[in-house]
Amino acid sequence: MSTRQREYDASSLKTAVTLAGVTLKNPIMTASGTFGSGMEYSEFVDLSRLGAVVTKGVADHPWPGNPTPRVAEVTGGMLNAIGLQNPGIETFCERDLPFLRQYDTKVIVNVCGHAEEEYLNVVDRLAEEKGVDLLEINISCPNVKEGGISFGTDPKGVEHITKVIKEHAKQPVIMKLSPNVTSIAEIAKAAEAGGADLVSLINTITGMKIDTRRRKFVLANKTGGMSGPAVHPVAVRMVYEVAQAVKIPIIGMGGVETANDALEMILAGASAVSVGTANFGNPTATLDIIEGIERFMIEEGVSDIHELIGAVHE
């Protein structure tokens, strides 16, 4: 039972899911960049209730991020151009990992980099650490050697970076896919061909906001990643398309605020679901969603979450 009183009995429900050999007690996790590394939310959320905690992006050296302003509200969500600000892998291993090891949850470390060797530096370093269950590779980062083109927008590039990371990784690898492509199914197939154990999607959709009175861009970076409920239908569609194209498990995300949103992802083919922007407005969103899924299963007579995965029909 959770620390919050529940008025229903979920003890007989089978909510555990196994992703590349790693078993999560339930399919709900946090989305990278919206939950810090767990410490920031731990007074609001019992981290042991989560299927997994996904950390913010970790690079091989500290990144300062983009200049401010770098967050803006938009209809149905938000734009962010944080720029993957992080203190670097050494601080993460010394401070954040020991904290997360206190909890009975799986730990997924999001890895970012501007060049192939930067990714590999982090992957190699994490191979030495206990308590890291999976790696999520952010391939929406700009590839400086290719003139700033994202790693995740070219199928050949996706297959290559996936293959190289898999050759170094000791943990199962999740490739996090960008929606800013012509065919996300082709990108997912490229990740699978490169040896990815899972894919997660979607990352943010590139957007822009202009202050009409000042006639200036609201974000210093001009563009930012849009997240929040407005992107949810797009994300559900992309999860469904990818589920038809690959055989590896999928982690769905994008505008998930409620249990019903998460269930849409699961019915579309996701084996697990990440909750992101909702955490900013409701710090207990993940727990609300876990308990909402349990209620749904009881009401619908579903004993095992696997009965729902990919179960949408015409």
Protein backbone atom coordinates (compact mmCIF):
# COMPACT_ATOMS: atom_id res chain seq x y z
CA MET A 1 0.00 0.00 0.00
CA SER A 2 1.19 3.55 -0.66
CA THR A 3 1.65 6.08 2.12
CA ARG A 4 -1.44 7.80 0.75
CA GLN A 5 -4.67 6.05 1.77
CA ARG A 6 -6.23 4.09 -1.05
CA GLU A 7 -9.88 3.08 -0.98
CA TYR A 8 -9.45 0.01 -3.20
CA ASP A 9 -7.54 -3.26 -3.05
CA ALA A 10 -4.83 -3.50 -5.71
CA SER A 11 -2.96 -6.38 -4.07
CA SER A 12 -4.10 -8.94 -6.63
CA LEU A 13 -3.25 -6.83 -9.68
CA LYS A 14 -0.25 -7.70 -11.83
CA THR A 15 1.21 -4.36 -12.83
CA ALA A 16 4.87 -5.38 -13.24
CA VAL A 17 6.47 -5.06 -16.68
CA THR A 18 9.83 -6.37 -17.82
CA LEU A 19 11.93 -4.22 -20.14
CA ALA A 20 15.00 -5.91 -21.63
CA GLY A 21 15.28 -8.19 -18.62
CA VAL A 22 14.68 -5.42 -16.05
CA THR A 23 11.43 -5.77 -14.11
CA LEU A 24 9.59 -2.64 -13.00
CA LYS A 25 6.89 -2.96 -10.34
CA ASN A 26 4.56 -0.87 -12.53
CA PRO A 27 4.84 0.79 -15.95
CA ILE A 28 5.05 4.42 -14.77
CA MET A 29 8.30 6.35 -14.74
CA THR A 30 9.42 9.95 -14.90
CA ALA A 31 10.49 11.70 -18.09
CA SER A 32 14.03 12.98 -18.37
CA GLY A 33 14.48 16.65 -17.62
CA THR A 34 11.25 17.03 -15.63
CA PHE A 35 12.14 15.32 -12.36
CA GLY A 36 15.74 16.31 -11.73
CA SER A 37 17.51 13.17 -10.57
CA GLY A 38 14.80 12.28 -8.07
CA MET A 39 16.14 14.19 -5.08
CA GLU A 40 14.24 17.33 -6.06
CA TYR A 41 10.84 15.57 -5.84
CA SER A 42 11.53 13.10 -3.04
CA GLU A 43 9.64 15.10 -0.38
CA PHE A 44 6.49 14.98 -2.54
CA VAL A 45 6.78 11.49 -4.08
CA ASP A 46 7.73 8.17 -2.52
CA LEU A 47 10.22 7.18 -5.22
CA SER A 48 9.84 3.53 -4.24
CA ARG A 49 6.28 3.61 -5.63
CA LEU A 50 7.54 4.40 -9.13
CA GLY A 51 8.37 1.82 -11.75
CA ALA A 52 11.53 3.78 -12.48
CA VAL A 53 13.16 7.17 -12.09
CA VAL A 54 14.62 8.56 -15.30
CA THR A 55 17.29 11.14 -14.56
CA LYS A 56 17.90 14.40 -16.33
CA GLY A 57 20.44 14.24 -19.14
CA VAL A 58 24.01 13.53 -18.03
CA ALA A 59 27.02 14.57 -20.14
CA ASP A 60 30.71 13.79 -19.80
CA HIS A 61 31.38 17.33 -18.57
CA PRO A 62 29.22 20.08 -17.02
CA TRP A 63 26.92 21.87 -19.46
CA PRO A 64 25.79 25.43 -18.60
CA GLY A 65 22.71 25.25 -20.79
CA ASN A 66 21.25 28.02 -22.94
CA PRO A 67 20.90 31.70 -22.03
CA THR A 68 17.69 32.94 -20.41
CA PRO A 69 14.80 33.33 -20.92
CA ARG A 70 14.50 29.64 -21.74
CA VAL A 71 11.00 28.62 -20.61
CA ALA A 72 7.68 29.91 -21.90
CA GLU A 73 4.06 28.94 -21.39
CA VAL A 74 2.03 28.21 -24.51
CA THR A 75 -1.53 27.07 -25.05
CA GLY A 76 -1.74 23.47 -23.92
CA GLY A 77 1.81 23.19 -22.63
CA MET A 78 5.19 24.83 -22.50
CA LEU A 79 8.30 25.55 -24.53
CA ASN A 80 11.72 24.95 -23.07
CA ALA A 81 15.22 25.67 -24.32
CA ILE A 82 17.12 24.68 -21.19
CA GLY A 83 19.89 23.21 -23.29
CA LEU A 84 20.35 20.06 -21.19
CA GLN A 85 22.06 21.93 -18.37
CA ASN A 86 23.73 19.40 -16.06
CA PRO A 87 26.66 19.16 -13.65
CA GLY A 88 28.38 16.33 -15.52
CA ILE A 89 28.93 12.61 -14.96
CA GLU A 90 31.30 12.82 -12.00
CA THR A 91 28.95 14.91 -9.88
CA PHE A 92 26.09 12.65 -10.91
CA CYS A 93 27.96 9.53 -9.78
CA GLU A 94 29.13 11.08 -6.52
CA ARG A 95 25.87 12.77 -5.49
CA ASP A 96 22.79 11.59 -7.37
CA LEU A 97 23.35 7.86 -7.81
CA PRO A 98 24.00 7.18 -4.07
CA PHE A 99 20.77 9.05 -3.30
CA LEU A 100 18.74 6.98 -5.77
CA ARG A 101 20.16 3.70 -4.48
CA GLN A 102 18.24 4.27 -1.23
CA TYR A 103 14.94 3.59 -2.99
CA ASP A 104 13.26 0.43 -4.24
CA THR A 105 12.90 1.63 -7.81
CA LYS A 106 14.73 1.12 -11.07
CA VAL A 107 17.15 3.81 -12.23
CA ILE A 108 17.36 4.87 -15.85
CA VAL A 109 20.12 7.34 -16.66
CA ASN A 110 19.55 9.67 -19.60
CA VAL A 111 22.79 10.21 -21.56
CA CYS A 112 23.49 13.21 -23.78
CA GLY A 113 26.41 14.40 -25.87
CA HIS A 114 27.45 16.61 -28.78
CA ALA A 115 29.73 14.03 -30.38
CA GLU A 116 30.02 10.26 -30.46
CA GLU A 117 32.94 10.19 -28.04
CA GLU A 118 31.03 12.29 -25.50
CA TYR A 119 28.23 9.70 -25.38
CA LEU A 120 30.75 6.88 -25.04
CA ASN A 121 32.58 8.62 -22.20
CA VAL A 122 29.36 8.62 -20.15
CA VAL A 123 28.35 5.09 -21.17
CA ASP A 124 31.80 3.75 -20.21
CA ARG A 125 31.74 5.60 -16.88
CA LEU A 126 28.29 4.25 -15.98
CA ALA A 127 29.45 0.71 -16.73
CA GLU A 128 31.53 1.01 -13.55
CA GLU A 129 28.57 2.02 -11.37
CA LYS A 130 26.12 -0.16 -9.47
CA GLY A 131 22.47 0.80 -9.34
CA VAL A 132 22.10 1.86 -12.99
CA ASP A 133 19.48 -0.42 -14.55
CA LEU A 134 19.07 1.02 -18.04
CA LEU A 135 20.50 3.79 -20.20
CA GLU A 136 18.29 6.18 -22.19
CA ILE A 137 20.22 7.83 -25.02
CA ASN A 138 19.06 11.30 -26.01
CA ILE A 139 19.71 11.42 -29.76
CA SER A 140 17.98 14.77 -30.16
CA CYS A 141 21.29 16.41 -29.21
CA PRO A 142 22.97 18.50 -31.94
CA ASN A 143 25.86 16.65 -33.58
CA VAL A 144 28.60 19.28 -33.68
CA LYS A 145 30.63 17.27 -36.18
CA GLU A 146 27.71 17.37 -38.60
CA GLY A 147 27.10 21.09 -38.31
CA GLY A 148 24.56 20.90 -35.50
CA ILE A 149 22.21 18.39 -37.16
CA SER A 150 20.50 16.20 -34.56
CA PHE A 151 21.81 12.65 -34.20
CA GLY A 152 18.22 11.44 -34.26
CA THR A 153 16.98 12.76 -37.60
CA ASP A 154 18.84 10.47 -40.03
CA PRO A 155 18.17 6.70 -40.04
CA LYS A 156 21.75 5.81 -40.95
CA GLY A 157 23.05 8.07 -38.19
CA VAL A 158 20.63 6.54 -35.68
CA GLU A 159 21.67 3.02 -36.58
CA HIS A 160 25.35 3.94 -36.32
CA ILE A 161 25.21 5.71 -32.95
CA THR A 162 23.03 2.92 -31.54
CA LYS A 163 25.45 0.24 -32.68
CA VAL A 164 28.47 2.07 -31.25
CA ILE A 165 26.77 2.66 -27.89
CA LYS A 166 25.64 -0.97 -27.67
CA GLU A 167 29.25 -2.09 -28.17
CA HIS A 168 30.22 -0.16 -25.02
CA ALA A 169 27.14 -0.36 -22.78
CA LYS A 170 26.88 -2.82 -19.90
CA GLN A 171 23.22 -1.97 -19.31
CA PRO A 172 20.29 -2.33 -21.75
CA VAL A 173 19.97 0.65 -24.09
CA ILE A 174 16.88 2.76 -24.75
CA MET A 175 17.09 5.10 -27.74
CA LYS A 176 14.95 8.21 -27.18
CA LEU A 177 13.43 9.28 -30.48
CA SER A 178 12.79 12.76 -31.79
CA PRO A 179 9.37 13.48 -33.35
CA ASN A 180 10.93 16.12 -35.62
CA VAL A 181 11.36 13.68 -38.50
CA THR A 182 9.48 12.64 -41.63
CA SER A 183 8.88 9.06 -40.45
CA ILE A 184 9.38 8.11 -36.83
CA ALA A 185 8.78 4.46 -37.74
CA GLU A 186 11.86 4.51 -40.00
CA ILE A 187 13.93 6.04 -37.20
CA ALA A 188 12.68 3.38 -34.77
CA LYS A 189 13.56 0.61 -37.23
CA ALA A 190 17.04 2.09 -37.57
CA ALA A 191 17.48 2.03 -33.80
CA GLU A 192 16.31 -1.57 -33.70
CA ALA A 193 18.72 -2.48 -36.52
CA GLY A 194 21.53 -0.89 -34.51
CA GLY A 195 20.76 -3.19 -31.59
CA ALA A 196 18.61 -1.00 -29.33
CA ASP A 197 16.90 -2.94 -26.56
CA LEU A 198 14.04 -0.43 -26.38
CA VAL A 199 12.90 2.88 -27.83
CA SER A 200 11.25 5.76 -25.98
CA LEU A 201 9.14 8.43 -27.65
CA ILE A 202 8.38 11.19 -28.15
CA ASN A 203 10.89 13.83 -27.25
CA THR A 204 9.67 17.45 -27.53
CA ILE A 205 8.33 19.00 -30.74
CA THR A 206 10.25 22.05 -31.93
CA GLY A 207 8.23 25.24 -31.53
CA MET A 208 8.52 29.01 -31.31
CA LYS A 209 6.78 31.88 -29.53
CA ILE A 210 6.96 35.59 -30.43
CA ASP A 211 6.11 38.55 -28.20
CA THR A 212 4.00 40.58 -30.61
CA ARG A 213 4.21 43.84 -28.61
CA ARG A 214 7.98 43.75 -28.36
CA ARG A 215 8.33 41.99 -31.72
CA LYS A 216 10.94 39.71 -30.26
CA PHE A 217 11.36 36.01 -29.67
CA VAL A 218 10.19 34.97 -26.21
CA LEU A 219 13.02 32.45 -25.85
CA ALA A 220 16.62 33.58 -26.13
CA ASN A 221 17.25 30.46 -28.22
CA LYS A 222 14.39 31.48 -30.56
CA THR A 223 13.08 27.90 -30.69
CA GLY A 224 12.33 25.44 -27.91
CA GLY A 225 10.88 22.02 -27.32
CA MET A 226 7.12 21.93 -26.86
CA SER A 227 5.69 19.54 -24.30
CA GLY A 228 2.44 19.17 -22.40
CA PRO A 229 -1.10 17.99 -23.17
CA ALA A 230 -1.24 19.61 -26.63
CA VAL A 231 1.34 17.13 -27.96
CA HIS A 232 -0.39 14.05 -26.52
CA PRO A 233 -2.43 13.04 -29.58
CA VAL A 234 0.69 13.32 -31.75
CA ALA A 235 2.64 11.19 -29.30
CA VAL A 236 -0.07 8.49 -29.15
CA ARG A 237 -0.11 8.33 -32.95
CA MET A 238 3.66 7.99 -33.11
CA VAL A 239 3.75 5.29 -30.42
CA TYR A 240 1.17 3.33 -32.41
CA GLU A 241 3.14 3.72 -35.65
CA VAL A 242 6.35 2.56 -34.00
CA ALA A 243 4.58 -0.38 -32.36
CA GLN A 244 3.58 -1.58 -35.83
CA ALA A 245 7.15 -1.23 -37.11
CA VAL A 246 9.43 -2.76 -34.44
CA LYS A 247 9.51 -5.80 -32.18
CA ILE A 248 11.40 -4.20 -29.26
CA PRO A 249 9.48 -2.69 -26.31
CA ILE A 250 8.38 0.95 -26.34
CA ILE A 251 8.27 3.54 -23.59
CA GLY A 252 5.61 6.11 -24.48
CA MET A 253 5.61 9.74 -23.41
CA GLY A 254 4.25 13.10 -24.47
CA GLY A 255 1.57 15.12 -22.68
CA VAL A 256 0.69 12.41 -20.16
CA GLU A 257 -1.19 14.05 -17.30
CA THR A 258 -3.76 11.45 -16.23
CA ALA A 259 -4.18 7.70 -15.94
CA ASN A 260 -6.34 7.81 -19.06
CA ASP A 261 -3.50 9.47 -21.00
CA ALA A 262 -1.11 6.74 -19.88
CA LEU A 263 -3.62 4.04 -20.76
CA GLU A 264 -3.92 5.44 -24.27
CA MET A 265 -0.16 5.02 -24.63
CA ILE A 266 -0.33 1.46 -23.35
CA LEU A 267 -3.24 0.51 -25.61
CA ALA A 268 -1.33 2.00 -28.56
CA GLY A 269 1.57 -0.36 -27.85
CA ALA A 270 3.74 1.12 -25.08
CA SER A 271 4.97 -1.30 -22.41
CA ALA A 272 5.73 1.60 -20.05
CA VAL A 273 4.94 5.32 -19.85
CA SER A 274 6.99 8.36 -18.82
CA VAL A 275 5.36 11.36 -17.14
CA GLY A 276 7.03 14.70 -17.82
CA THR A 277 5.60 18.21 -17.89
CA ALA A 278 2.71 17.20 -15.62
CA ASN A 279 5.21 16.98 -12.74
CA PHE A 280 5.69 20.77 -12.80
CA GLY A 281 2.05 21.54 -12.07
CA ASN A 282 1.33 18.47 -9.96
CA PRO A 283 4.33 17.01 -8.13
CA THR A 284 2.37 13.82 -7.33
CA ALA A 285 1.21 13.25 -10.92
CA THR A 286 3.10 9.95 -11.19
CA LEU A 287 1.43 8.53 -8.08
CA ASP A 288 -1.99 9.74 -9.22
CA ILE A 289 -1.46 7.97 -12.54
CA ILE A 290 -0.29 4.71 -10.94
CA GLU A 291 -3.31 4.63 -8.68
CA GLY A 292 -5.61 5.63 -11.55
CA ILE A 293 -4.38 2.71 -13.64
CA GLU A 294 -4.99 0.36 -10.71
CA ARG A 295 -8.55 1.67 -10.35
CA PHE A 296 -9.13 1.25 -14.08
CA MET A 297 -7.91 -2.34 -13.98
CA ILE A 298 -10.23 -3.15 -11.07
CA GLU A 299 -13.21 -1.46 -12.72
CA GLU A 300 -12.56 -3.15 -16.07
CA GLY A 301 -11.79 -6.57 -14.62
CA VAL A 302 -8.22 -6.54 -15.92
CA SER A 303 -5.91 -8.57 -13.69
CA ASP A 304 -2.65 -8.15 -15.65
CA ILE A 305 -1.36 -4.95 -17.28
CA HIS A 306 -0.14 -7.05 -20.22
CA GLU A 307 -3.78 -7.52 -21.24
CA LEU A 308 -3.80 -3.84 -22.18
CA ILE A 309 -0.47 -3.44 -23.98
CA GLY A 310 -1.19 -2.90 -27.69
CA ALA A 311 -4.81 -3.93 -27.17
CA VAL A 312 -6.41 -1.14 -29.19
CA HIS A 313 -8.65 -2.46 -31.96
CA GLU A 314 -10.82 -1.07 -34.75
